[in-house]
Amino acid sequence: MSIASDAVAVFRTEWADRFVDACEIRDILNDTDRGAMTAGTYQYDEQTSSIVYSGPCLVRPAMLADTAQVYGQEARTFTSADLYLPHTAAAIDLDQEALITSSVTDPQLVGLTFVVRSIIRDSYHTRRQVKVELDLGTGISF
């Protein structure tokens, strides 16, 4: 082992100790993947999801204030967070859903479903950082 690989192992261990929350990342099938239409009712089957990752994570707010965006006549409020996952968490992709299943520091996050907006990879691959966003709708405080 070299000095660089030893340092990476130490950093990975330090990051693993910080993962005090738990989350589940799901890949939701979009409209083009709806499957077959049910005969007689002419309705598509319900959307299904597949779990991409389930395990420890670290959830931290990305900014102190929520952001408001206007879509036509409707104003929506969003809040952002940083989701840190172990370096072994693979197959994370944009527009997947991140469900917070437990949170030590903020119990209000449990049960909330965020959407993956960007994935940040570090050069030594010690952890995976995922930028997620929660649509608060209108008039909802977080």
C-alpha atoms as a PDB file:
ATOM      1  CA  MET A   1       0.000   0.000   0.000  1.00  0.00           C
ATOM      2  CA  SER A   2       1.178   3.476  -0.756  1.00  0.00           C
ATOM      3  CA  ILE A   3       0.840   6.584   1.345  1.00  0.00           C
ATOM      4  CA  ALA A   4      -1.980   7.835  -0.886  1.00  0.00           C
ATOM      5  CA  SER A   5      -4.013   4.631  -0.559  1.00  0.00           C
ATOM      6  CA  ASP A   6      -3.445   4.606   3.214  1.00  0.00           C
ATOM      7  CA  ALA A   7      -4.721   8.195   3.423  1.00  0.00           C
ATOM      8  CA  VAL A   8      -7.780   7.335   1.335  1.00  0.00           C
ATOM      9  CA  ALA A   9      -8.534   4.406   3.652  1.00  0.00           C
ATOM     10  CA  VAL A  10      -8.318   6.733   6.668  1.00  0.00           C
ATOM     11  CA  PHE A  11     -10.609   9.306   5.034  1.00  0.00           C
ATOM     12  CA  ARG A  12     -13.136   6.617   4.097  1.00  0.00           C
ATOM     13  CA  THR A  13     -13.164   5.382   7.699  1.00  0.00           C
ATOM     14  CA  GLU A  14     -13.632   8.929   9.011  1.00  0.00           C
ATOM     15  CA  TRP A  15     -16.543   9.517   6.633  1.00  0.00           C
ATOM     16  CA  ALA A  16     -18.122   6.183   7.570  1.00  0.00           C
ATOM     17  CA  ASP A  17     -18.225   7.312  11.216  1.00  0.00           C
ATOM     18  CA  ARG A  18     -20.209  10.434  10.215  1.00  0.00           C
ATOM     19  CA  PHE A  19     -23.071   8.545   8.565  1.00  0.00           C
ATOM     20  CA  VAL A  20     -25.569   8.712  11.444  1.00  0.00           C
ATOM     21  CA  ASP A  21     -28.744   8.973   9.351  1.00  0.00           C
ATOM     22  CA  ALA A  22     -30.382   6.406   7.086  1.00  0.00           C
ATOM     23  CA  CYS A  23     -31.878   6.856   3.648  1.00  0.00           C
ATOM     24  CA  GLU A  24     -33.221   5.000   0.675  1.00  0.00           C
ATOM     25  CA  ILE A  25     -32.608   6.023  -2.943  1.00  0.00           C
ATOM     26  CA  ARG A  26     -35.241   4.829  -5.401  1.00  0.00           C
ATOM     27  CA  ASP A  27     -35.372   4.896  -9.161  1.00  0.00           C
ATOM     28  CA  ILE A  28     -38.906   5.836 -10.201  1.00  0.00           C
ATOM     29  CA  LEU A  29     -40.092   4.678 -13.586  1.00  0.00           C
ATOM     30  CA  ASN A  30     -41.054   7.648 -15.723  1.00  0.00           C
ATOM     31  CA  ASP A  31     -43.916   8.039 -18.170  1.00  0.00           C
ATOM     32  CA  THR A  32     -42.098   6.230 -20.969  1.00  0.00           C
ATOM     33  CA  ASP A  33     -41.504   3.213 -18.712  1.00  0.00           C
ATOM     34  CA  ARG A  34     -45.084   2.810 -17.507  1.00  0.00           C
ATOM     35  CA  GLY A  35     -45.425  -0.671 -18.843  1.00  0.00           C
ATOM     36  CA  ALA A  36     -48.461  -2.266 -20.383  1.00  0.00           C
ATOM     37  CA  MET A  37     -51.919  -0.792 -20.435  1.00  0.00           C
ATOM     38  CA  THR A  38     -54.538  -2.798 -18.570  1.00  0.00           C
ATOM     39  CA  ALA A  39     -57.098  -4.297 -20.939  1.00  0.00           C
ATOM     40  CA  GLY A  40     -60.661  -3.144 -20.354  1.00  0.00           C
ATOM     41  CA  THR A  41     -59.828  -0.123 -18.173  1.00  0.00           C
ATOM     42  CA  TYR A  42     -57.266   1.388 -20.551  1.00  0.00           C
ATOM     43  CA  GLN A  43     -55.214   2.515 -17.552  1.00  0.00           C
ATOM     44  CA  TYR A  44     -51.477   2.119 -17.151  1.00  0.00           C
ATOM     45  CA  ASP A  45     -50.211   0.102 -14.233  1.00  0.00           C
ATOM     46  CA  GLU A  46     -49.171   2.106 -11.188  1.00  0.00           C
ATOM     47  CA  GLN A  47     -45.703   3.603 -11.191  1.00  0.00           C
ATOM     48  CA  THR A  48     -43.203   1.267  -9.667  1.00  0.00           C
ATOM     49  CA  SER A  49     -39.839   1.955  -8.153  1.00  0.00           C
ATOM     50  CA  SER A  50     -36.680   0.011  -7.597  1.00  0.00           C
ATOM     51  CA  ILE A  51     -34.396   0.598  -4.630  1.00  0.00           C
ATOM     52  CA  VAL A  52     -30.949   1.637  -5.799  1.00  0.00           C
ATOM     53  CA  TYR A  53     -29.407   2.250  -2.370  1.00  0.00           C
ATOM     54  CA  SER A  54     -30.577   1.659   1.179  1.00  0.00           C
ATOM     55  CA  GLY A  55     -28.324   2.302   4.125  1.00  0.00           C
ATOM     56  CA  PRO A  56     -26.443   4.876   6.164  1.00  0.00           C
ATOM     57  CA  CYS A  57     -26.107   8.482   5.029  1.00  0.00           C
ATOM     58  CA  LEU A  58     -25.640  11.995   6.351  1.00  0.00           C
ATOM     59  CA  VAL A  59     -28.211  14.723   5.657  1.00  0.00           C
ATOM     60  CA  ARG A  60     -27.214  18.362   5.978  1.00  0.00           C
ATOM     61  CA  PRO A  61     -29.082  21.507   4.882  1.00  0.00           C
ATOM     62  CA  ALA A  62     -27.426  23.131   1.877  1.00  0.00           C
ATOM     63  CA  MET A  63     -28.667  26.655   2.542  1.00  0.00           C
ATOM     64  CA  LEU A  64     -30.399  28.541   5.324  1.00  0.00           C
ATOM     65  CA  ALA A  65     -33.232  30.001   3.254  1.00  0.00           C
ATOM     66  CA  ASP A  66     -35.716  28.282   0.982  1.00  0.00           C
ATOM     67  CA  THR A  67     -35.812  29.328  -2.661  1.00  0.00           C
ATOM     68  CA  ALA A  68     -38.975  30.357  -4.482  1.00  0.00           C
ATOM     69  CA  GLN A  69     -39.461  29.751  -8.184  1.00  0.00           C
ATOM     70  CA  VAL A  70     -42.342  30.942 -10.307  1.00  0.00           C
ATOM     71  CA  TYR A  71     -43.862  28.668 -12.951  1.00  0.00           C
ATOM     72  CA  GLY A  72     -46.448  30.665 -14.881  1.00  0.00           C
ATOM     73  CA  GLN A  73     -49.008  31.701 -12.281  1.00  0.00           C
ATOM     74  CA  GLU A  74     -47.774  29.319  -9.599  1.00  0.00           C
ATOM     75  CA  ALA A  75     -44.995  30.022  -7.112  1.00  0.00           C
ATOM     76  CA  ARG A  76     -43.284  26.945  -5.661  1.00  0.00           C
ATOM     77  CA  THR A  77     -40.926  26.834  -2.697  1.00  0.00           C
ATOM     78  CA  PHE A  78     -37.925  24.503  -2.642  1.00  0.00           C
ATOM     79  CA  THR A  79     -35.374  23.652   0.009  1.00  0.00           C
ATOM     80  CA  SER A  80     -32.014  22.050  -0.713  1.00  0.00           C
ATOM     81  CA  ALA A  81     -29.907  19.598   1.226  1.00  0.00           C
ATOM     82  CA  ASP A  82     -26.636  17.750   0.858  1.00  0.00           C
ATOM     83  CA  LEU A  83     -26.840  13.995   1.161  1.00  0.00           C
ATOM     84  CA  TYR A  84     -23.555  12.213   1.847  1.00  0.00           C
ATOM     85  CA  LEU A  85     -23.343   8.509   1.057  1.00  0.00           C
ATOM     86  CA  PRO A  86     -20.578   5.908   1.431  1.00  0.00           C
ATOM     87  CA  HIS A  87     -18.148   5.640  -1.471  1.00  0.00           C
ATOM     88  CA  THR A  88     -19.590   2.203  -2.254  1.00  0.00           C
ATOM     89  CA  ALA A  89     -23.027   3.634  -3.096  1.00  0.00           C
ATOM     90  CA  ALA A  90     -23.211   3.200  -6.847  1.00  0.00           C
ATOM     91  CA  ALA A  91     -25.879   3.683  -9.517  1.00  0.00           C
ATOM     92  CA  ILE A  92     -27.081   7.000  -8.090  1.00  0.00           C
ATOM     93  CA  ASP A  93     -28.486   9.093 -10.922  1.00  0.00           C
ATOM     94  CA  LEU A  94     -30.315  12.370 -11.452  1.00  0.00           C
ATOM     95  CA  ASP A  95     -34.081  12.599 -10.797  1.00  0.00           C
ATOM     96  CA  GLN A  96     -34.096   9.629  -8.449  1.00  0.00           C
ATOM     97  CA  GLU A  97     -35.930   9.958  -5.135  1.00  0.00           C
ATOM     98  CA  ALA A  98     -34.169   9.992  -1.767  1.00  0.00           C
ATOM     99  CA  LEU A  99     -36.379   8.996   1.161  1.00  0.00           C
ATOM    100  CA  ILE A 100     -34.996   9.837   4.603  1.00  0.00           C
ATOM    101  CA  THR A 101     -35.797   6.868   6.851  1.00  0.00           C
ATOM    102  CA  SER A 102     -34.067   8.084  10.028  1.00  0.00           C
ATOM    103  CA  SER A 103     -32.316  11.267  11.109  1.00  0.00           C
ATOM    104  CA  VAL A 104     -30.458  11.741  14.367  1.00  0.00           C
ATOM    105  CA  THR A 105     -30.026  15.514  14.183  1.00  0.00           C
ATOM    106  CA  ASP A 106     -33.369  16.493  12.606  1.00  0.00           C
ATOM    107  CA  PRO A 107     -36.320  14.121  13.171  1.00  0.00           C
ATOM    108  CA  GLN A 108     -38.557  16.318  10.981  1.00  0.00           C
ATOM    109  CA  LEU A 109     -36.737  14.987   7.920  1.00  0.00           C
ATOM    110  CA  VAL A 110     -37.924  11.412   8.473  1.00  0.00           C
ATOM    111  CA  GLY A 111     -40.411  10.418   5.786  1.00  0.00           C
ATOM    112  CA  LEU A 112     -39.584  13.319   3.444  1.00  0.00           C
ATOM    113  CA  THR A 113     -38.781  12.488  -0.159  1.00  0.00           C
ATOM    114  CA  PHE A 114     -36.145  14.596  -1.895  1.00  0.00           C
ATOM    115  CA  VAL A 115     -35.219  14.552  -5.592  1.00  0.00           C
ATOM    116  CA  VAL A 116     -31.587  14.097  -6.692  1.00  0.00           C
ATOM    117  CA  ARG A 117     -30.470  17.210  -8.593  1.00  0.00           C
ATOM    118  CA  SER A 118     -26.689  16.756  -8.882  1.00  0.00           C
ATOM    119  CA  ILE A 119     -23.957  14.314  -7.920  1.00  0.00           C
ATOM    120  CA  ILE A 120     -20.525  15.494  -6.808  1.00  0.00           C
ATOM    121  CA  ARG A 121     -17.625  13.076  -6.955  1.00  0.00           C
ATOM    122  CA  ASP A 122     -14.369  13.778  -5.169  1.00  0.00           C
ATOM    123  CA  SER A 123     -10.979  12.879  -6.590  1.00  0.00           C
ATOM    124  CA  TYR A 124     -10.106  10.268  -3.943  1.00  0.00           C
ATOM    125  CA  HIS A 125     -13.609   8.765  -3.896  1.00  0.00           C
ATOM    126  CA  THR A 126     -13.868   8.858  -0.095  1.00  0.00           C
ATOM    127  CA  ARG A 127     -17.625   9.552  -0.084  1.00  0.00           C
ATOM    128  CA  ARG A 128     -20.395  10.430  -2.519  1.00  0.00           C
ATOM    129  CA  GLN A 129     -22.105  13.830  -2.181  1.00  0.00           C
ATOM    130  CA  VAL A 130     -25.569  14.202  -3.646  1.00  0.00           C
ATOM    131  CA  LYS A 131     -27.406  17.522  -3.919  1.00  0.00           C
ATOM    132  CA  VAL A 132     -31.110  16.941  -3.301  1.00  0.00           C
ATOM    133  CA  GLU A 133     -34.147  19.212  -3.435  1.00  0.00           C
ATOM    134  CA  LEU A 134     -37.508  19.075  -1.678  1.00  0.00           C
ATOM    135  CA  ASP A 135     -40.596  20.667  -3.232  1.00  0.00           C
ATOM    136  CA  LEU A 136     -42.411  22.335  -0.345  1.00  0.00           C
ATOM    137  CA  GLY A 137     -45.278  23.440  -2.571  1.00  0.00           C
ATOM    138  CA  THR A 138     -47.028  26.673  -1.666  1.00  0.00           C
ATOM    139  CA  GLY A 139     -47.529  27.951   1.833  1.00  0.00           C
ATOM    140  CA  ILE A 140     -45.716  25.103   3.572  1.00  0.00           C
ATOM    141  CA  SER A 141     -43.006  25.959   6.090  1.00  0.00           C
ATOM    142  CA  PHE A 142     -40.042  23.658   6.635  1.00  0.00           C
END
